């Protein structure tokens, strides 16, 4: 295993982490921002108000995006196992 292969593996791992977790994190950020604006506009200072909507939104998005996430994770895992077989 040479340096280029290690760099490629790490680069692909970071890419897939961002690809899989990105939509969920972005949605949680947007929902949190919308609720923060709502709290600022209505002067509600409840700290736990953002938790439940974020949880529901992330859960629904996870269910909807799960086939996409699993297919990418499966292809990356298969590529890793095939690469292990070619190592000396």
N, C-alpha and C. Protein backbone atom coordinates (compact mmCIF):
# COMPACT_ATOMS: atom_id res chain seq x y z
N UNK A 1 0.86 -1.18 0.00
CA UNK A 1 0.00 0.00 0.00
C UNK A 1 0.90 1.24 0.00
N UNK A 2 0.74 2.06 -1.01
CA UNK A 2 1.57 3.25 -1.11
C UNK A 2 0.82 4.49 -0.63
N UNK A 3 1.51 5.61 -0.64
CA UNK A 3 0.94 6.85 -0.12
C UNK A 3 -0.26 7.32 -0.93
N UNK A 4 -0.20 7.16 -2.24
CA UNK A 4 -1.31 7.61 -3.08
C UNK A 4 -2.60 6.84 -2.77
N UNK A 5 -2.45 5.55 -2.49
CA UNK A 5 -3.63 4.74 -2.18
C UNK A 5 -4.25 5.16 -0.85
N UNK A 6 -3.41 5.46 0.13
CA UNK A 6 -3.91 5.90 1.43
C UNK A 6 -4.62 7.24 1.30
N UNK A 7 -4.01 8.15 0.57
CA UNK A 7 -4.62 9.47 0.36
C UNK A 7 -5.95 9.32 -0.37
N UNK A 8 -6.00 8.45 -1.35
CA UNK A 8 -7.25 8.22 -2.08
C UNK A 8 -8.32 7.64 -1.17
N UNK A 9 -7.95 6.70 -0.32
CA UNK A 9 -8.92 6.11 0.62
C UNK A 9 -9.46 7.15 1.59
N UNK A 10 -8.59 7.97 2.13
CA UNK A 10 -9.03 9.01 3.08
C UNK A 10 -9.90 10.04 2.39
N UNK A 11 -9.50 10.43 1.17
CA UNK A 11 -10.29 11.40 0.42
C UNK A 11 -11.69 10.85 0.13
N UNK A 12 -11.76 9.60 -0.30
CA UNK A 12 -13.07 8.98 -0.58
C UNK A 12 -13.90 8.84 0.70
N UNK A 13 -13.24 8.51 1.81
CA UNK A 13 -13.96 8.38 3.07
C UNK A 13 -14.57 9.72 3.48
N UNK A 14 -13.81 10.80 3.39
CA UNK A 14 -14.35 12.12 3.71
C UNK A 14 -15.48 12.51 2.76
N UNK A 15 -15.32 12.18 1.50
CA UNK A 15 -16.37 12.49 0.52
C UNK A 15 -17.67 11.79 0.88
N UNK A 16 -17.59 10.50 1.20
CA UNK A 16 -18.80 9.76 1.51
C UNK A 16 -19.40 10.17 2.85
N UNK A 17 -18.57 10.56 3.80
CA UNK A 17 -19.10 11.07 5.08
C UNK A 17 -19.89 12.35 4.82
N UNK A 18 -19.35 13.24 4.02
CA UNK A 18 -20.07 14.48 3.71
C UNK A 18 -21.32 14.21 2.87
N UNK A 19 -21.22 13.27 1.95
CA UNK A 19 -22.36 12.96 1.10
C UNK A 19 -23.50 12.34 1.89
N UNK A 20 -23.18 11.49 2.85
CA UNK A 20 -24.21 10.80 3.61
C UNK A 20 -24.77 11.68 4.74
N UNK A 21 -23.90 12.37 5.44
CA UNK A 21 -24.38 13.16 6.58
C UNK A 21 -24.76 14.59 6.22
N UNK A 22 -24.34 15.05 5.06
CA UNK A 22 -24.59 16.43 4.67
C UNK A 22 -26.05 16.84 4.62
N UNK A 23 -26.91 16.08 3.95
CA UNK A 23 -28.32 16.50 3.91
C UNK A 23 -28.97 16.58 5.29
N UNK A 24 -28.63 15.65 6.17
CA UNK A 24 -29.22 15.67 7.51
C UNK A 24 -28.72 16.86 8.32
N UNK A 25 -27.44 17.14 8.24
CA UNK A 25 -26.89 18.27 8.97
C UNK A 25 -27.40 19.60 8.43
N UNK A 26 -27.51 19.69 7.12
CA UNK A 26 -28.03 20.91 6.51
C UNK A 26 -29.48 21.15 6.90
N UNK A 27 -30.27 20.10 6.91
CA UNK A 27 -31.66 20.23 7.31
C UNK A 27 -31.78 20.65 8.77
N UNK A 28 -30.98 20.04 9.65
CA UNK A 28 -31.01 20.41 11.07
C UNK A 28 -30.61 21.87 11.25
N UNK A 29 -29.65 22.32 10.46
CA UNK A 29 -29.23 23.72 10.52
C UNK A 29 -30.35 24.66 10.08
N UNK A 30 -31.01 24.32 8.99
CA UNK A 30 -32.09 25.17 8.48
C UNK A 30 -33.27 25.21 9.45
N UNK A 31 -33.66 24.05 9.97
CA UNK A 31 -34.78 24.00 10.93
C UNK A 31 -34.42 24.79 12.19
N UNK A 32 -33.20 24.62 12.68
CA UNK A 32 -32.76 25.38 13.86
C UNK A 32 -32.77 26.88 13.62
N UNK A 33 -32.34 27.29 12.42
CA UNK A 33 -32.34 28.71 12.09
C UNK A 33 -33.75 29.27 12.01
N UNK A 34 -34.66 28.53 11.38
CA UNK A 34 -36.05 28.98 11.30
C UNK A 34 -36.70 29.09 12.67
N UNK A 35 -36.43 28.14 13.52
CA UNK A 35 -37.01 28.20 14.86
C UNK A 35 -36.37 29.32 15.68
N UNK A 36 -35.09 29.57 15.49
CA UNK A 36 -34.44 30.68 16.18
C UNK A 36 -35.02 32.02 15.75
N UNK A 37 -35.30 32.17 14.46
CA UNK A 37 -35.94 33.40 13.98
C UNK A 37 -37.34 33.53 14.56
N UNK A 38 -38.08 32.42 14.60
CA UNK A 38 -39.42 32.43 15.20
C UNK A 38 -39.35 32.80 16.69
N UNK A 39 -38.38 32.25 17.41
CA UNK A 39 -38.24 32.56 18.83
C UNK A 39 -37.86 34.03 19.03
N UNK A 40 -37.03 34.55 18.17
CA UNK A 40 -36.64 35.96 18.29
C UNK A 40 -37.81 36.88 17.97
N UNK A 41 -38.64 36.48 17.01
CA UNK A 41 -39.77 37.32 16.63
C UNK A 41 -40.87 37.29 17.69
N UNK A 42 -41.04 36.19 18.38
CA UNK A 42 -42.12 36.07 19.36
C UNK A 42 -41.65 36.21 20.80
N UNK A 43 -40.36 36.43 21.00
CA UNK A 43 -39.76 36.57 22.33
C UNK A 43 -39.96 35.34 23.20
N UNK A 44 -40.05 34.19 22.58
CA UNK A 44 -40.11 32.93 23.33
C UNK A 44 -38.67 32.49 23.57
N UNK A 45 -38.32 32.25 24.83
CA UNK A 45 -36.94 31.89 25.13
C UNK A 45 -36.83 30.46 25.67
N UNK A 46 -37.60 29.57 25.12
CA UNK A 46 -37.56 28.17 25.53
C UNK A 46 -36.42 27.46 24.82
N UNK A 47 -35.50 26.90 25.59
CA UNK A 47 -34.32 26.27 25.01
C UNK A 47 -34.63 24.93 24.35
N UNK A 48 -35.65 24.24 24.83
CA UNK A 48 -35.95 22.92 24.30
C UNK A 48 -36.88 22.96 23.09
N UNK A 49 -37.31 24.13 22.69
CA UNK A 49 -38.25 24.24 21.56
C UNK A 49 -37.64 23.77 20.25
N UNK A 50 -36.35 23.92 20.09
CA UNK A 50 -35.72 23.53 18.81
C UNK A 50 -35.47 22.03 18.72
N UNK A 51 -35.45 21.34 19.84
CA UNK A 51 -35.07 19.94 19.83
C UNK A 51 -36.07 19.05 19.12
N UNK A 52 -37.34 19.16 19.45
CA UNK A 52 -38.36 18.27 18.89
C UNK A 52 -38.54 18.49 17.38
N UNK A 53 -38.68 19.71 16.89
CA UNK A 53 -38.80 19.86 15.43
C UNK A 53 -37.57 19.38 14.67
N UNK A 54 -36.37 19.61 15.21
CA UNK A 54 -35.16 19.10 14.56
C UNK A 54 -35.17 17.58 14.54
N UNK A 55 -35.55 16.98 15.64
CA UNK A 55 -35.59 15.53 15.73
C UNK A 55 -36.57 14.94 14.73
N UNK A 56 -37.75 15.53 14.63
CA UNK A 56 -38.76 15.05 13.68
C UNK A 56 -38.30 15.24 12.25
N UNK A 57 -37.74 16.41 11.94
CA UNK A 57 -37.29 16.70 10.58
C UNK A 57 -36.15 15.77 10.17
N UNK A 58 -35.20 15.55 11.06
CA UNK A 58 -34.08 14.67 10.74
C UNK A 58 -34.55 13.23 10.60
N UNK A 59 -35.49 12.80 11.43
CA UNK A 59 -36.02 11.44 11.33
C UNK A 59 -36.73 11.23 9.99
N UNK A 60 -37.59 12.17 9.61
CA UNK A 60 -38.33 12.04 8.35
C UNK A 60 -37.36 12.06 7.17
N UNK A 61 -36.38 12.95 7.22
CA UNK A 61 -35.41 13.01 6.14
C UNK A 61 -34.57 11.75 6.07
N UNK A 62 -34.21 11.20 7.22
CA UNK A 62 -33.45 9.96 7.24
C UNK A 62 -34.24 8.83 6.58
N UNK A 63 -35.52 8.75 6.88
CA UNK A 63 -36.35 7.71 6.28
C UNK A 63 -36.45 7.91 4.76
N UNK A 64 -36.59 9.14 4.32
CA UNK A 64 -36.74 9.42 2.90
C UNK A 64 -35.43 9.24 2.12
N UNK A 65 -34.30 9.57 2.74
CA UNK A 65 -33.02 9.56 2.05
C UNK A 65 -32.24 8.26 2.31
N UNK A 66 -32.79 7.37 3.11
CA UNK A 66 -32.09 6.13 3.47
C UNK A 66 -31.66 5.29 2.26
N UNK A 67 -32.49 5.10 1.23
CA UNK A 67 -32.01 4.32 0.07
C UNK A 67 -30.78 4.94 -0.60
N UNK A 68 -30.77 6.25 -0.72
CA UNK A 68 -29.61 6.96 -1.29
C UNK A 68 -28.38 6.75 -0.43
N UNK A 69 -28.52 6.91 0.87
CA UNK A 69 -27.38 6.77 1.78
C UNK A 69 -26.86 5.34 1.78
N UNK A 70 -27.76 4.38 1.83
CA UNK A 70 -27.33 2.98 1.86
C UNK A 70 -26.67 2.54 0.56
N UNK A 71 -27.18 3.02 -0.57
CA UNK A 71 -26.57 2.63 -1.84
C UNK A 71 -25.14 3.17 -1.96
N UNK A 72 -24.92 4.40 -1.52
CA UNK A 72 -23.57 4.95 -1.57
C UNK A 72 -22.64 4.26 -0.56
N UNK A 73 -23.16 4.00 0.61
CA UNK A 73 -22.35 3.31 1.61
C UNK A 73 -22.03 1.89 1.17
N UNK A 74 -22.98 1.24 0.54
CA UNK A 74 -22.76 -0.12 0.04
C UNK A 74 -21.71 -0.13 -1.06
N UNK A 75 -21.79 0.80 -2.00
CA UNK A 75 -20.81 0.83 -3.08
C UNK A 75 -19.41 1.14 -2.56
N UNK A 76 -19.30 2.02 -1.58
CA UNK A 76 -17.99 2.33 -1.01
C UNK A 76 -17.43 1.12 -0.26
N UNK A 77 -18.27 0.43 0.49
CA UNK A 77 -17.82 -0.75 1.23
C UNK A 77 -17.39 -1.86 0.29
N UNK A 78 -18.14 -2.08 -0.77
CA UNK A 78 -17.76 -3.10 -1.75
C UNK A 78 -16.43 -2.74 -2.40
N UNK A 79 -16.25 -1.47 -2.73
CA UNK A 79 -14.97 -1.04 -3.32
C UNK A 79 -13.82 -1.25 -2.35
N UNK A 80 -14.04 -0.99 -1.07
CA UNK A 80 -12.99 -1.22 -0.08
C UNK A 80 -12.62 -2.69 0.03
N UNK A 81 -13.63 -3.56 0.08
CA UNK A 81 -13.35 -4.99 0.18
C UNK A 81 -12.66 -5.51 -1.08
N UNK A 82 -13.02 -4.99 -2.23
CA UNK A 82 -12.34 -5.41 -3.45
C UNK A 82 -10.89 -4.92 -3.45
N UNK A 83 -10.66 -3.75 -2.89
CA UNK A 83 -9.31 -3.24 -2.81
C UNK A 83 -8.47 -4.06 -1.83
N UNK A 84 -9.07 -4.52 -0.75
CA UNK A 84 -8.35 -5.36 0.22
C UNK A 84 -7.88 -6.65 -0.45
N UNK A 85 -8.71 -7.19 -1.32
CA UNK A 85 -8.36 -8.44 -2.00
C UNK A 85 -7.16 -8.27 -2.94
N UNK A 86 -6.94 -7.06 -3.42
CA UNK A 86 -5.83 -6.85 -4.36
C UNK A 86 -4.53 -6.49 -3.67
N UNK A 87 -4.56 -6.24 -2.37
CA UNK A 87 -3.34 -5.89 -1.65
C UNK A 87 -2.43 -7.09 -1.47
N UNK A 88 -1.16 -6.83 -1.41
CA UNK A 88 -0.18 -7.91 -1.23
C UNK A 88 0.08 -8.15 0.24
